[in-house]
Structures are given as C-alpha cells and as structure tokens.
Amino acid sequence: MEESTPKEKILKRIRQALLYKSKNPYASIDLESGVFAKDDRDLKLSFADHYTQSAGHFVYCENEFDYLDNLLLLIDEKEIKKVYCQELQLRKEFEDIGMEFNDNPETVVDAHASVTSCEALLSRTGSILISSRKNGRMAAVGPAIHIVKAYTSQLVVDIKDAFQLLRNKYGSNLPSMLCFETGPSRTSDIERTIVIGAQGPREVYLFLIDDVAAKS
C-alpha cells in the first residue's frame, strides 16, 4: 500500500484534532482587560507627551484665531510657498488669510507642505488617525512637511476608541484608507541607521484647538 502524501497526513491530523479536542490549559487567562499600564493623566497631556517623544511638533491653540496665527508663523518660518490641501473647509481658511494652495493630486510631491484634518488622536501612542475620505491618499505622505489641524474633542485613549468614533461617524461605510501617523516617517532598513523622511514627511506639526474648553 502506498504511503499517504504530506497533504493527506496533515489533513488526517486536523481531523483527529477536531474529533478529540484537548482541554484548554490556559482557560483562566484574561483576554478582555487592557494589557497596557493605565495613564490617569488628562488626554491632552498624555497625547502631547507621547507625540513629542515620537519627534512630532505640538502646538496648543486656544481657539481658531490662535490656530491661524500659529499657522502663519510656521509658514513664514519654514518659508512654505507651495501648500497642498484638498479639504474644502481648510481651503476656505487659506483663501481668508491670502495663502495660495494647490488641490491637484498630481502635484502633491512638488508641494512644500500639506495641510489636513484628522479623524482622531490616540493619547496612548501619540498617533494621528488620517483617512482618505477628506484628504485622499497622498496628502499625509507626499510633501516633506505635514500640518494637521485637530480638536481636543477628537482625543481618545486607544485604537478601539478611534474605530468607535469612525463607526459613529461613517457607519459601515468606512474610508478605504486609514493611516496612523506617529511622528515623522523613519526607517532603519539600511545598515540599521535611522533615516527620517525616507517614506513620508520629515516633519509633522499638529495644531490642537481646544474646542472642549470653548464650549464649557
């Protein structure tokens, strides 16, 4: 009688495992509780701490006017001339302050900076959640400088909370692309030397507007 093939042997073992299930030796393990140390700090402080540790630039703004003032200072300091922006609301702000912008995706790589909003801010990791719904797929990775406009009401603790925000906002029709940006792009693939900006922006500036305090 010919010996069974390796595939048949594997299938035989799978059938045996399904017929004779062994007792789970780890039944008492808690798979529901969080595995990370609890951070009791205010979400703004926790996010700012983790975000700056990842080499991100953090700018706290009391209101919209404060945000525009700081944005103009950054544009002047970095000598930004070409801005890429797709969002209608942000483009309206650029028109109001007399700043030129480009919304053609084919020219995004030529821009000095891109300006986007975000979906959420993760305080535990200092990450910014960007989606393709408003910004397309290139705004967060094309130009050397990425500027993000965000609000304190978008602060959440972790990824599961961020996805709950997305489900509340979009339902089952989630954006086709989601990107968690934690500081500037970096890689150490070549000779284990860290290179900043190899696969995305070299600098990320987050302008956090306190809309929660304004409503209270």
N, C-alpha and C. Protein backbone atom coordinates (compact mmCIF):
# COMPACT_ATOMS: atom_id res chain seq x y z
N MET A 1 0.85 -1.20 0.00
CA MET A 1 0.00 0.00 0.00
C MET A 1 0.88 1.25 0.00
N GLU A 2 0.55 2.20 -0.89
CA GLU A 2 1.36 3.40 -0.97
C GLU A 2 1.16 4.30 0.25
N GLU A 3 2.26 4.97 0.66
CA GLU A 3 2.17 5.90 1.78
C GLU A 3 1.37 7.13 1.38
N SER A 4 0.66 7.69 2.34
CA SER A 4 -0.14 8.89 2.06
C SER A 4 0.79 10.07 1.82
N THR A 5 0.30 11.03 1.09
CA THR A 5 1.08 12.22 0.78
C THR A 5 1.16 13.13 2.02
N PRO A 6 2.12 14.06 2.04
CA PRO A 6 2.21 15.02 3.16
C PRO A 6 0.90 15.76 3.40
N LYS A 7 0.20 16.11 2.31
CA LYS A 7 -1.07 16.81 2.46
C LYS A 7 -2.09 15.95 3.18
N GLU A 8 -2.15 14.67 2.82
CA GLU A 8 -3.11 13.76 3.46
C GLU A 8 -2.78 13.55 4.93
N LYS A 9 -1.48 13.51 5.25
CA LYS A 9 -1.07 13.36 6.64
C LYS A 9 -1.51 14.55 7.48
N ILE A 10 -1.35 15.73 6.91
CA ILE A 10 -1.75 16.95 7.63
C ILE A 10 -3.26 16.97 7.84
N LEU A 11 -4.02 16.62 6.80
CA LEU A 11 -5.48 16.61 6.92
C LEU A 11 -5.95 15.57 7.93
N LYS A 12 -5.22 14.44 8.00
CA LYS A 12 -5.57 13.40 8.97
C LYS A 12 -5.39 13.92 10.39
N ARG A 13 -4.29 14.64 10.64
CA ARG A 13 -4.04 15.20 11.97
C ARG A 13 -5.09 16.24 12.33
N ILE A 14 -5.52 17.04 11.32
CA ILE A 14 -6.55 18.05 11.58
C ILE A 14 -7.86 17.38 11.96
N ARG A 15 -8.22 16.29 11.25
CA ARG A 15 -9.46 15.57 11.56
C ARG A 15 -9.39 14.98 12.96
N GLN A 16 -8.25 14.44 13.33
CA GLN A 16 -8.10 13.86 14.66
C GLN A 16 -8.23 14.94 15.74
N ALA A 17 -7.65 16.11 15.46
CA ALA A 17 -7.73 17.20 16.43
C ALA A 17 -9.16 17.69 16.61
N LEU A 18 -9.95 17.66 15.52
CA LEU A 18 -11.34 18.09 15.61
C LEU A 18 -12.20 17.07 16.35
N LEU A 19 -11.85 15.80 16.20
CA LEU A 19 -12.62 14.74 16.87
C LEU A 19 -12.28 14.63 18.35
N TYR A 20 -11.00 14.78 18.68
CA TYR A 20 -10.54 14.59 20.06
C TYR A 20 -9.92 15.90 20.56
N LYS A 21 -10.80 16.79 20.99
CA LYS A 21 -10.33 18.10 21.45
C LYS A 21 -9.70 17.99 22.83
N SER A 22 -8.52 18.58 22.97
CA SER A 22 -7.84 18.56 24.27
C SER A 22 -8.33 19.71 25.13
N LYS A 23 -8.18 19.60 26.40
CA LYS A 23 -8.61 20.62 27.35
C LYS A 23 -7.70 21.84 27.25
N ASN A 24 -8.30 23.03 27.25
CA ASN A 24 -7.54 24.27 27.15
C ASN A 24 -6.73 24.49 28.44
N PRO A 25 -5.38 24.46 28.36
CA PRO A 25 -4.57 24.62 29.58
C PRO A 25 -4.50 26.06 30.07
N TYR A 26 -5.03 26.99 29.27
CA TYR A 26 -4.95 28.41 29.64
C TYR A 26 -6.34 29.04 29.74
N ALA A 27 -7.27 28.29 30.28
CA ALA A 27 -8.66 28.77 30.35
C ALA A 27 -8.83 29.97 31.27
N SER A 28 -7.91 30.15 32.21
CA SER A 28 -8.06 31.23 33.19
C SER A 28 -7.46 32.56 32.73
N ILE A 29 -6.86 32.58 31.55
CA ILE A 29 -6.23 33.82 31.06
C ILE A 29 -7.29 34.86 30.73
N ASP A 30 -7.07 36.07 31.20
CA ASP A 30 -7.99 37.18 30.94
C ASP A 30 -7.62 37.84 29.61
N LEU A 31 -8.49 37.68 28.62
CA LEU A 31 -8.24 38.23 27.30
C LEU A 31 -9.03 39.52 27.03
N GLU A 32 -9.74 40.00 28.05
CA GLU A 32 -10.59 41.18 27.88
C GLU A 32 -9.97 42.44 28.45
N SER A 33 -9.24 42.33 29.56
CA SER A 33 -8.67 43.51 30.21
C SER A 33 -7.53 44.09 29.39
N GLY A 34 -7.27 45.38 29.58
CA GLY A 34 -6.19 46.04 28.88
C GLY A 34 -4.83 45.50 29.30
N VAL A 35 -3.89 45.50 28.37
CA VAL A 35 -2.55 44.97 28.66
C VAL A 35 -1.56 46.09 28.92
N PHE A 36 -1.95 47.34 28.72
CA PHE A 36 -1.04 48.46 28.91
C PHE A 36 -1.28 49.13 30.25
N ALA A 37 -0.23 49.74 30.77
CA ALA A 37 -0.34 50.45 32.05
C ALA A 37 -1.33 51.60 31.90
N LYS A 38 -2.17 51.79 32.89
CA LYS A 38 -3.19 52.83 32.84
C LYS A 38 -2.55 54.20 33.02
N ASP A 39 -2.96 55.14 32.18
CA ASP A 39 -2.46 56.50 32.25
C ASP A 39 -3.61 57.39 32.72
N ASP A 40 -3.50 57.89 33.96
CA ASP A 40 -4.58 58.67 34.55
C ASP A 40 -4.49 60.16 34.23
N ARG A 41 -3.52 60.55 33.42
CA ARG A 41 -3.38 61.96 33.10
C ARG A 41 -4.48 62.42 32.14
N ASP A 42 -4.64 63.74 32.07
CA ASP A 42 -5.55 64.32 31.10
C ASP A 42 -5.14 63.86 29.70
N LEU A 43 -6.13 63.62 28.83
CA LEU A 43 -5.84 63.11 27.49
C LEU A 43 -4.93 64.05 26.71
N LYS A 44 -5.10 65.35 26.89
CA LYS A 44 -4.25 66.31 26.17
C LYS A 44 -2.79 66.15 26.58
N LEU A 45 -2.55 66.03 27.89
CA LEU A 45 -1.18 65.91 28.39
C LEU A 45 -0.56 64.58 27.96
N SER A 46 -1.34 63.51 28.05
CA SER A 46 -0.84 62.19 27.66
C SER A 46 -0.50 62.16 26.17
N PHE A 47 -1.39 62.69 25.33
CA PHE A 47 -1.13 62.71 23.90
C PHE A 47 0.10 63.55 23.58
N ALA A 48 0.18 64.76 24.14
CA ALA A 48 1.31 65.65 23.86
C ALA A 48 2.63 65.01 24.25
N ASP A 49 2.65 64.29 25.38
CA ASP A 49 3.87 63.64 25.85
C ASP A 49 4.32 62.57 24.87
N HIS A 50 3.40 61.65 24.51
CA HIS A 50 3.77 60.57 23.59
C HIS A 50 4.05 61.09 22.19
N TYR A 51 3.33 62.09 21.77
CA TYR A 51 3.52 62.64 20.43
C TYR A 51 4.89 63.29 20.28
N THR A 52 5.29 64.09 21.25
CA THR A 52 6.59 64.76 21.17
C THR A 52 7.73 63.77 21.35
N GLN A 53 7.50 62.67 22.07
CA GLN A 53 8.53 61.63 22.18
C GLN A 53 8.81 61.00 20.82
N SER A 54 7.84 61.05 19.93
CA SER A 54 8.00 60.50 18.58
C SER A 54 8.50 61.55 17.60
N ALA A 55 9.02 62.67 18.13
CA ALA A 55 9.61 63.75 17.32
C ALA A 55 8.57 64.56 16.56
N GLY A 56 7.31 64.51 17.01
CA GLY A 56 6.29 65.35 16.41
C GLY A 56 6.31 66.74 17.03
N HIS A 57 5.88 67.75 16.28
CA HIS A 57 5.83 69.13 16.77
C HIS A 57 4.39 69.43 17.20
N PHE A 58 4.24 69.83 18.45
CA PHE A 58 2.92 70.02 19.05
C PHE A 58 2.68 71.49 19.33
N VAL A 59 1.54 72.03 18.83
CA VAL A 59 1.19 73.43 19.06
C VAL A 59 -0.22 73.48 19.62
N TYR A 60 -0.34 73.92 20.87
CA TYR A 60 -1.66 74.03 21.51
C TYR A 60 -2.27 75.38 21.15
N CYS A 61 -3.54 75.38 20.74
CA CYS A 61 -4.23 76.61 20.33
C CYS A 61 -5.52 76.75 21.14
N GLU A 62 -5.73 77.93 21.68
CA GLU A 62 -6.93 78.16 22.49
C GLU A 62 -8.19 78.24 21.64
N ASN A 63 -8.06 78.70 20.40
CA ASN A 63 -9.23 78.84 19.54
C ASN A 63 -8.78 78.88 18.07
N GLU A 64 -9.74 79.10 17.16
CA GLU A 64 -9.44 79.11 15.73
C GLU A 64 -8.50 80.25 15.34
N PHE A 65 -8.68 81.41 15.97
CA PHE A 65 -7.83 82.56 15.65
C PHE A 65 -6.38 82.29 16.06
N ASP A 66 -6.22 81.64 17.21
CA ASP A 66 -4.89 81.28 17.68
C ASP A 66 -4.23 80.30 16.72
N TYR A 67 -5.04 79.37 16.21
CA TYR A 67 -4.54 78.39 15.24
C TYR A 67 -4.04 79.08 13.96
N LEU A 68 -4.82 80.02 13.42
CA LEU A 68 -4.43 80.71 12.20
C LEU A 68 -3.17 81.54 12.40
N ASP A 69 -3.06 82.19 13.57
CA ASP A 69 -1.85 82.97 13.87
C ASP A 69 -0.62 82.07 13.89
N ASN A 70 -0.73 80.92 14.56
CA ASN A 70 0.41 79.99 14.65
C ASN A 70 0.72 79.36 13.31
N LEU A 71 -0.31 79.11 12.51
CA LEU A 71 -0.11 78.54 11.18
C LEU A 71 0.67 79.50 10.30
N LEU A 72 0.31 80.77 10.34
CA LEU A 72 1.02 81.78 9.55
C LEU A 72 2.47 81.92 10.00
N LEU A 73 2.70 81.84 11.31
CA LEU A 73 4.08 81.91 11.83
C LEU A 73 4.91 80.74 11.30
N LEU A 74 4.32 79.54 11.28
CA LEU A 74 5.04 78.36 10.79
C LEU A 74 5.33 78.49 9.30
N ILE A 75 4.33 78.92 8.53
CA ILE A 75 4.52 79.09 7.08
C ILE A 75 5.63 80.09 6.80
N ASP A 76 5.68 81.17 7.58
CA ASP A 76 6.72 82.18 7.41
C ASP A 76 8.08 81.64 7.83
N GLU A 77 8.12 80.92 8.97
CA GLU A 77 9.40 80.40 9.49
C GLU A 77 10.00 79.36 8.55
N LYS A 78 9.16 78.48 8.00
CA LYS A 78 9.64 77.42 7.12
C LYS A 78 9.70 77.84 5.65
N GLU A 79 9.32 79.08 5.38
CA GLU A 79 9.31 79.62 4.01
C GLU A 79 8.51 78.71 3.07
N ILE A 80 7.34 78.33 3.53
CA ILE A 80 6.46 77.47 2.74
C ILE A 80 5.74 78.30 1.69
N LYS A 81 5.92 77.94 0.44
CA LYS A 81 5.31 78.66 -0.67
C LYS A 81 4.22 77.84 -1.36
N LYS A 82 4.45 76.53 -1.46
CA LYS A 82 3.50 75.67 -2.14
C LYS A 82 2.82 74.76 -1.12
N VAL A 83 1.51 74.93 -0.96
CA VAL A 83 0.73 74.16 0.01
C VAL A 83 -0.26 73.28 -0.74
N TYR A 84 -0.29 72.00 -0.36
CA TYR A 84 -1.26 71.08 -0.94
C TYR A 84 -2.39 70.86 0.06
N CYS A 85 -3.63 71.05 -0.37
CA CYS A 85 -4.78 70.89 0.51
C CYS A 85 -6.00 70.53 -0.31
N GLN A 86 -6.70 69.48 0.09
CA GLN A 86 -7.88 69.03 -0.64
C GLN A 86 -9.19 69.38 0.06
N GLU A 87 -9.16 69.60 1.36
CA GLU A 87 -10.39 69.79 2.11
C GLU A 87 -10.99 71.18 1.87
N LEU A 88 -12.28 71.22 1.59
CA LEU A 88 -12.95 72.46 1.26
C LEU A 88 -12.86 73.48 2.40
N GLN A 89 -13.09 73.04 3.64
CA GLN A 89 -13.07 73.95 4.76
C GLN A 89 -11.68 74.54 4.99
N LEU A 90 -10.66 73.72 4.90
CA LEU A 90 -9.30 74.22 5.09
C LEU A 90 -8.89 75.14 3.94
N ARG A 91 -9.32 74.81 2.74
CA ARG A 91 -9.01 75.68 1.60
C ARG A 91 -9.66 77.05 1.76
N LYS A 92 -10.86 77.08 2.34
CA LYS A 92 -11.54 78.36 2.60
C LYS A 92 -10.72 79.19 3.58
N GLU A 93 -10.11 78.54 4.58
CA GLU A 93 -9.28 79.26 5.54
C GLU A 93 -8.06 79.86 4.86
N PHE A 94 -7.46 79.13 3.93
CA PHE A 94 -6.31 79.66 3.20
C PHE A 94 -6.70 80.87 2.36
N GLU A 95 -7.88 80.81 1.76
CA GLU A 95 -8.35 81.95 0.98
C GLU A 95 -8.54 83.18 1.87
N ASP A 96 -9.04 82.96 3.09
CA ASP A 96 -9.30 84.06 4.01
C ASP A 96 -8.02 84.75 4.46
N ILE A 97 -6.93 83.98 4.57
CA ILE A 97 -5.67 84.59 5.03
C ILE A 97 -4.74 84.92 3.85
N GLY A 98 -5.25 84.77 2.63
CA GLY A 98 -4.49 85.16 1.45
C GLY A 98 -3.36 84.21 1.11
N MET A 99 -3.47 82.95 1.50
CA MET A 99 -2.43 81.96 1.23
C MET A 99 -2.82 81.11 0.02
N GLU A 100 -1.89 80.93 -0.92
CA GLU A 100 -2.18 80.11 -2.09
C GLU A 100 -2.02 78.63 -1.75
N PHE A 101 -2.81 77.81 -2.44
CA PHE A 101 -2.75 76.37 -2.22
C PHE A 101 -3.00 75.65 -3.53
N ASN A 102 -2.75 74.35 -3.55
CA ASN A 102 -2.98 73.51 -4.72
C ASN A 102 -3.73 72.27 -4.28
N ASP A 103 -4.74 71.89 -5.02
CA ASP A 103 -5.52 70.70 -4.66
C ASP A 103 -5.46 69.61 -5.73
N ASN A 104 -4.48 69.72 -6.64
CA ASN A 104 -4.30 68.72 -7.70
C ASN A 104 -3.42 67.58 -7.20
N PRO A 105 -3.96 66.36 -7.05
CA PRO A 105 -3.18 65.23 -6.53
C PRO A 105 -1.91 64.94 -7.32
N GLU A 106 -1.89 65.29 -8.60
CA GLU A 106 -0.72 65.01 -9.44
C GLU A 106 0.47 65.88 -9.06
N THR A 107 0.23 66.98 -8.34
CA THR A 107 1.32 67.89 -7.97
C THR A 107 1.68 67.82 -6.50
N VAL A 108 1.14 66.83 -5.77
CA VAL A 108 1.35 66.77 -4.33
C VAL A 108 2.84 66.63 -3.98
N VAL A 109 3.61 65.92 -4.80
CA VAL A 109 5.03 65.70 -4.48
C VAL A 109 5.85 66.98 -4.64
N ASP A 110 5.31 67.96 -5.36
CA ASP A 110 6.02 69.22 -5.55
C ASP A 110 5.73 70.23 -4.44
N ALA A 111 4.76 69.94 -3.61
CA ALA A 111 4.36 70.87 -2.55
C ALA A 111 5.40 70.89 -1.43
N HIS A 112 5.57 72.06 -0.82
CA HIS A 112 6.46 72.16 0.34
C HIS A 112 5.82 71.57 1.58
N ALA A 113 4.49 71.64 1.66
CA ALA A 113 3.77 71.14 2.83
C ALA A 113 2.35 70.77 2.44
N SER A 114 1.76 69.87 3.20
CA SER A 114 0.34 69.54 3.05
C SER A 114 -0.36 69.87 4.36
N VAL A 115 -1.63 70.27 4.24
CA VAL A 115 -2.44 70.58 5.42
C VAL A 115 -3.69 69.72 5.37
N THR A 116 -3.94 69.00 6.46
CA THR A 116 -5.11 68.13 6.53
C THR A 116 -5.76 68.24 7.90
N SER A 117 -6.96 67.72 7.98
CA SER A 117 -7.59 67.49 9.29
C SER A 117 -7.25 66.06 9.69
N CYS A 118 -7.96 65.51 10.66
CA CYS A 118 -7.75 64.11 11.05
C CYS A 118 -9.05 63.55 11.58
N GLU A 119 -9.07 62.25 11.79
CA GLU A 119 -10.27 61.58 12.32
C GLU A 119 -10.22 61.46 13.83
N ALA A 120 -9.04 61.23 14.39
CA ALA A 120 -8.91 61.05 15.84
C ALA A 120 -7.45 61.19 16.26
N LEU A 121 -7.26 61.40 17.55
CA LEU A 121 -5.92 61.47 18.15
C LEU A 121 -5.86 60.42 19.26
N LEU A 122 -4.85 59.55 19.22
CA LEU A 122 -4.71 58.47 20.19
C LEU A 122 -3.72 58.88 21.28
N SER A 123 -4.22 59.07 22.49
CA SER A 123 -3.37 59.59 23.56
C SER A 123 -2.32 58.58 24.01
N ARG A 124 -2.63 57.28 23.97
CA ARG A 124 -1.69 56.28 24.49
C ARG A 124 -0.42 56.17 23.65
N THR A 125 -0.55 56.42 22.35
CA THR A 125 0.62 56.28 21.47
C THR A 125 1.05 57.60 20.85
N GLY A 126 0.26 58.65 21.01
CA GLY A 126 0.58 59.91 20.36
C GLY A 126 0.42 59.83 18.86
N SER A 127 -0.55 59.05 18.40
CA SER A 127 -0.76 58.85 16.96
C SER A 127 -1.92 59.69 16.44
N ILE A 128 -1.82 60.03 15.15
CA ILE A 128 -2.87 60.79 14.46
C ILE A 128 -3.52 59.86 13.44
N LEU A 129 -4.84 59.74 13.50
CA LEU A 129 -5.56 58.89 12.56
C LEU A 129 -6.04 59.73 11.38
N ILE A 130 -5.50 59.43 10.19
CA ILE A 130 -5.85 60.13 8.96
C ILE A 130 -6.64 59.17 8.07
N SER A 131 -7.64 59.69 7.36
CA SER A 131 -8.40 58.84 6.43
C SER A 131 -8.37 59.44 5.03
N SER A 132 -8.72 58.63 4.06
CA SER A 132 -8.75 59.07 2.67
C SER A 132 -10.06 59.77 2.31
N ARG A 133 -11.02 59.79 3.23
CA ARG A 133 -12.33 60.34 2.91
C ARG A 133 -12.27 61.83 2.54
N LYS A 134 -11.45 62.59 3.29
CA LYS A 134 -11.34 64.03 3.03
C LYS A 134 -10.03 64.40 2.33
N ASN A 135 -8.99 63.64 2.58
CA ASN A 135 -7.64 64.06 2.19
C ASN A 135 -7.02 63.28 1.04
N GLY A 136 -7.70 62.25 0.53
CA GLY A 136 -7.06 61.41 -0.47
C GLY A 136 -6.00 60.52 0.18
N ARG A 137 -5.14 59.96 -0.64
CA ARG A 137 -4.15 59.01 -0.13
C ARG A 137 -2.73 59.56 -0.07
N MET A 138 -2.50 60.71 -0.68
CA MET A 138 -1.13 61.21 -0.77
C MET A 138 -0.82 62.37 0.17
N ALA A 139 -1.84 63.03 0.71
CA ALA A 139 -1.62 64.26 1.48
C ALA A 139 -0.72 64.04 2.69
N ALA A 140 -0.85 62.89 3.34
CA ALA A 140 -0.09 62.65 4.57
C ALA A 140 1.30 62.09 4.32
N VAL A 141 1.62 61.71 3.08
CA VAL A 141 2.91 61.07 2.82
C VAL A 141 3.72 61.72 1.71
N GLY A 142 3.11 62.63 0.95
CA GLY A 142 3.81 63.21 -0.19
C GLY A 142 4.81 64.30 0.17
N PRO A 143 4.35 65.46 0.65
CA PRO A 143 5.26 66.58 0.96
C PRO A 143 6.16 66.31 2.16
N ALA A 144 7.23 67.09 2.27
CA ALA A 144 8.19 66.90 3.35
C ALA A 144 7.64 67.34 4.70
N ILE A 145 6.66 68.26 4.69
CA ILE A 145 6.06 68.76 5.93
C ILE A 145 4.57 68.46 5.91
N HIS A 146 4.08 67.85 6.97
CA HIS A 146 2.64 67.57 7.10
C HIS A 146 2.10 68.37 8.28
N ILE A 147 1.12 69.22 8.01
CA ILE A 147 0.49 70.04 9.04
C ILE A 147 -0.92 69.51 9.27
N VAL A 148 -1.24 69.25 10.54
CA VAL A 148 -2.54 68.66 10.87
C VAL A 148 -3.32 69.61 11.78
N LYS A 149 -4.57 69.85 11.42
CA LYS A 149 -5.48 70.62 12.26
C LYS A 149 -6.37 69.64 13.00
N ALA A 150 -6.39 69.74 14.34
CA ALA A 150 -7.16 68.79 15.14
C ALA A 150 -7.83 69.51 16.30
N TYR A 151 -8.76 68.81 16.95
CA TYR A 151 -9.51 69.37 18.07
C TYR A 151 -9.42 68.44 19.28
N THR A 152 -9.52 69.03 20.46
CA THR A 152 -9.44 68.22 21.68
C THR A 152 -10.60 67.23 21.78
N SER A 153 -11.72 67.53 21.13
CA SER A 153 -12.86 66.60 21.14
C SER A 153 -12.57 65.33 20.36
N GLN A 154 -11.47 65.32 19.58
CA GLN A 154 -11.10 64.13 18.81
C GLN A 154 -10.14 63.22 19.58
N LEU A 155 -9.78 63.61 20.79
CA LEU A 155 -8.86 62.81 21.60
C LEU A 155 -9.56 61.56 22.14
N VAL A 156 -8.94 60.41 21.96
CA VAL A 156 -9.41 59.15 22.52
C VAL A 156 -8.22 58.43 23.15
N VAL A 157 -8.48 57.36 23.85
CA VAL A 157 -7.41 56.66 24.55
C VAL A 157 -6.62 55.76 23.61
N ASP A 158 -7.33 54.90 22.87
CA ASP A 158 -6.61 53.87 22.09
C ASP A 158 -7.29 53.61 20.76
N ILE A 159 -6.77 52.61 20.03
CA ILE A 159 -7.25 52.30 18.68
C ILE A 159 -8.73 51.91 18.68
N LYS A 160 -9.15 51.10 19.64
CA LYS A 160 -10.55 50.66 19.64
C LYS A 160 -11.49 51.85 19.80
N ASP A 161 -11.08 52.85 20.58
CA ASP A 161 -11.91 54.04 20.75
C ASP A 161 -11.94 54.86 19.46
N ALA A 162 -10.81 54.90 18.75
CA ALA A 162 -10.76 55.62 17.48
C ALA A 162 -11.68 54.97 16.45
N PHE A 163 -11.70 53.64 16.40
CA PHE A 163 -12.58 52.96 15.46
C PHE A 163 -14.05 53.12 15.83
N GLN A 164 -14.32 53.28 17.12
CA GLN A 164 -15.70 53.55 17.52
C GLN A 164 -16.15 54.92 17.02
N LEU A 165 -15.24 55.89 17.07
CA LEU A 165 -15.53 57.21 16.50
C LEU A 165 -15.84 57.11 15.01
N LEU A 166 -15.03 56.31 14.30
CA LEU A 166 -15.24 56.12 12.87
C LEU A 166 -16.60 55.47 12.59
N ARG A 167 -16.94 54.45 13.38
CA ARG A 167 -18.23 53.78 13.17
C ARG A 167 -19.40 54.73 13.46
N ASN A 168 -19.24 55.57 14.49
CA ASN A 168 -20.29 56.54 14.81
C ASN A 168 -20.46 57.57 13.69
N LYS A 169 -19.38 57.90 13.04
CA LYS A 169 -19.38 58.93 12.01
C LYS A 169 -19.79 58.39 10.64
N TYR A 170 -19.25 57.22 10.26
CA TYR A 170 -19.46 56.70 8.91
C TYR A 170 -20.35 55.46 8.84
N GLY A 171 -20.67 54.87 9.98
CA GLY A 171 -21.42 53.62 9.96
C GLY A 171 -20.58 52.50 9.38
N SER A 172 -21.18 51.71 8.51
CA SER A 172 -20.44 50.59 7.89
C SER A 172 -19.65 51.04 6.67
N ASN A 173 -19.85 52.27 6.22
CA ASN A 173 -19.17 52.78 5.03
C ASN A 173 -17.88 53.49 5.44
N LEU A 174 -16.93 52.73 5.95
CA LEU A 174 -15.67 53.30 6.44
C LEU A 174 -14.79 53.76 5.27
N PRO A 175 -13.92 54.73 5.50
CA PRO A 175 -12.99 55.17 4.45
C PRO A 175 -12.15 54.01 3.94
N SER A 176 -11.76 54.07 2.68
CA SER A 176 -11.00 52.97 2.07
C SER A 176 -9.56 52.92 2.55
N MET A 177 -9.05 54.04 3.09
CA MET A 177 -7.67 54.05 3.59
C MET A 177 -7.62 54.76 4.94
N LEU A 178 -7.00 54.09 5.92
CA LEU A 178 -6.78 54.67 7.24
C LEU A 178 -5.29 54.62 7.54
N CYS A 179 -4.75 55.72 8.06
CA CYS A 179 -3.31 55.81 8.33
C CYS A 179 -3.09 56.33 9.74
N PHE A 180 -2.33 55.57 10.53
CA PHE A 180 -1.95 56.01 11.87
C PHE A 180 -0.55 56.63 11.77
N GLU A 181 -0.48 57.94 11.94
CA GLU A 181 0.78 58.66 11.79
C GLU A 181 1.31 59.01 13.18
N THR A 182 2.49 58.48 13.51
CA THR A 182 3.10 58.72 14.81
C THR A 182 4.44 59.41 14.60
N GLY A 183 4.40 60.73 14.49
CA GLY A 183 5.61 61.49 14.23
C GLY A 183 6.05 61.37 12.78
N PRO A 184 7.22 61.91 12.45
CA PRO A 184 7.71 61.86 11.07
C PRO A 184 8.07 60.44 10.63
N SER A 185 8.09 60.25 9.32
CA SER A 185 8.46 58.94 8.77
C SER A 185 9.91 58.60 9.12
N ARG A 186 10.15 57.33 9.46
CA ARG A 186 11.51 56.91 9.77
C ARG A 186 11.69 55.45 9.40
N THR A 187 12.92 55.09 9.07
CA THR A 187 13.25 53.70 8.76
C THR A 187 14.70 53.44 9.15
N SER A 188 15.00 52.18 9.47
CA SER A 188 16.38 51.79 9.76
C SER A 188 16.74 50.54 8.97
N ASP A 189 16.10 50.39 7.81
CA ASP A 189 16.34 49.21 6.96
C ASP A 189 17.76 49.16 6.42
N ILE A 190 18.37 50.33 6.19
CA ILE A 190 19.71 50.37 5.59
C ILE A 190 20.76 50.49 6.69
N GLU A 191 21.51 49.44 6.88
CA GLU A 191 22.61 49.39 7.85
C GLU A 191 22.17 49.80 9.26
N ARG A 192 20.89 49.59 9.56
CA ARG A 192 20.33 49.87 10.89
C ARG A 192 20.56 51.31 11.33
N THR A 193 20.61 52.20 10.37
CA THR A 193 20.75 53.63 10.65
C THR A 193 19.41 54.31 10.43
N ILE A 194 18.93 55.03 11.43
CA ILE A 194 17.63 55.68 11.32
C ILE A 194 17.69 56.82 10.31
N VAL A 195 16.78 56.78 9.36
CA VAL A 195 16.67 57.83 8.34
C VAL A 195 15.28 58.46 8.48
N ILE A 196 15.24 59.78 8.66
CA ILE A 196 13.98 60.50 8.82
C ILE A 196 13.49 60.96 7.46
N GLY A 197 12.21 60.74 7.19
CA GLY A 197 11.60 61.21 5.95
C GLY A 197 11.84 60.34 4.74
N ALA A 198 12.24 59.11 4.95
CA ALA A 198 12.53 58.23 3.82
C ALA A 198 11.27 57.79 3.09
N GLN A 199 10.17 57.60 3.83
CA GLN A 199 8.94 57.07 3.23
C GLN A 199 7.74 57.96 3.53
N GLY A 200 7.99 59.20 3.86
CA GLY A 200 6.90 60.11 4.20
C GLY A 200 7.46 61.44 4.66
N PRO A 201 6.67 62.23 5.41
CA PRO A 201 7.11 63.57 5.83
C PRO A 201 8.30 63.54 6.79
N ARG A 202 9.17 64.53 6.66
CA ARG A 202 10.29 64.68 7.59
C ARG A 202 9.86 65.40 8.88
N GLU A 203 8.81 66.19 8.77
CA GLU A 203 8.31 66.93 9.92
C GLU A 203 6.78 66.87 9.94
N VAL A 204 6.23 66.70 11.14
CA VAL A 204 4.78 66.69 11.32
C VAL A 204 4.42 67.70 12.41
N TYR A 205 3.57 68.65 12.07
CA TYR A 205 3.12 69.67 13.00
C TYR A 205 1.63 69.48 13.29
N LEU A 206 1.31 69.34 14.58
CA LEU A 206 -0.08 69.18 14.98
C LEU A 206 -0.54 70.44 15.70
N PHE A 207 -1.57 71.07 15.18
CA PHE A 207 -2.19 72.22 15.82
C PHE A 207 -3.45 71.74 16.52
N LEU A 208 -3.42 71.70 17.85
CA LEU A 208 -4.56 71.17 18.63
C LEU A 208 -5.38 72.33 19.17
N ILE A 209 -6.62 72.46 18.68
CA ILE A 209 -7.53 73.53 19.08
C ILE A 209 -8.44 73.03 20.19
N ASP A 210 -8.50 73.77 21.27
CA ASP A 210 -9.28 73.35 22.44
C ASP A 210 -10.73 73.76 22.26
N ASP A 211 -11.49 72.92 21.56
CA ASP A 211 -12.90 73.22 21.37
C ASP A 211 -13.77 72.78 22.55
N VAL A 212 -13.22 71.92 23.41
CA VAL A 212 -13.96 71.48 24.60
C VAL A 212 -14.05 72.63 25.60
N ALA A 213 -12.93 73.33 25.85
CA ALA A 213 -12.92 74.45 26.78
C ALA A 213 -13.81 75.59 26.27
N ALA A 214 -13.84 75.77 24.96
CA ALA A 214 -14.63 76.84 24.37
C ALA A 214 -16.13 76.62 24.57
N LYS A 215 -16.55 75.35 24.64
CA LYS A 215 -17.96 75.04 24.80
C LYS A 215 -18.41 75.05 26.26
N SER A 216 -17.45 74.92 27.19
CA SER A 216 -17.79 74.85 28.61
C SER A 216 -18.03 76.22 29.21
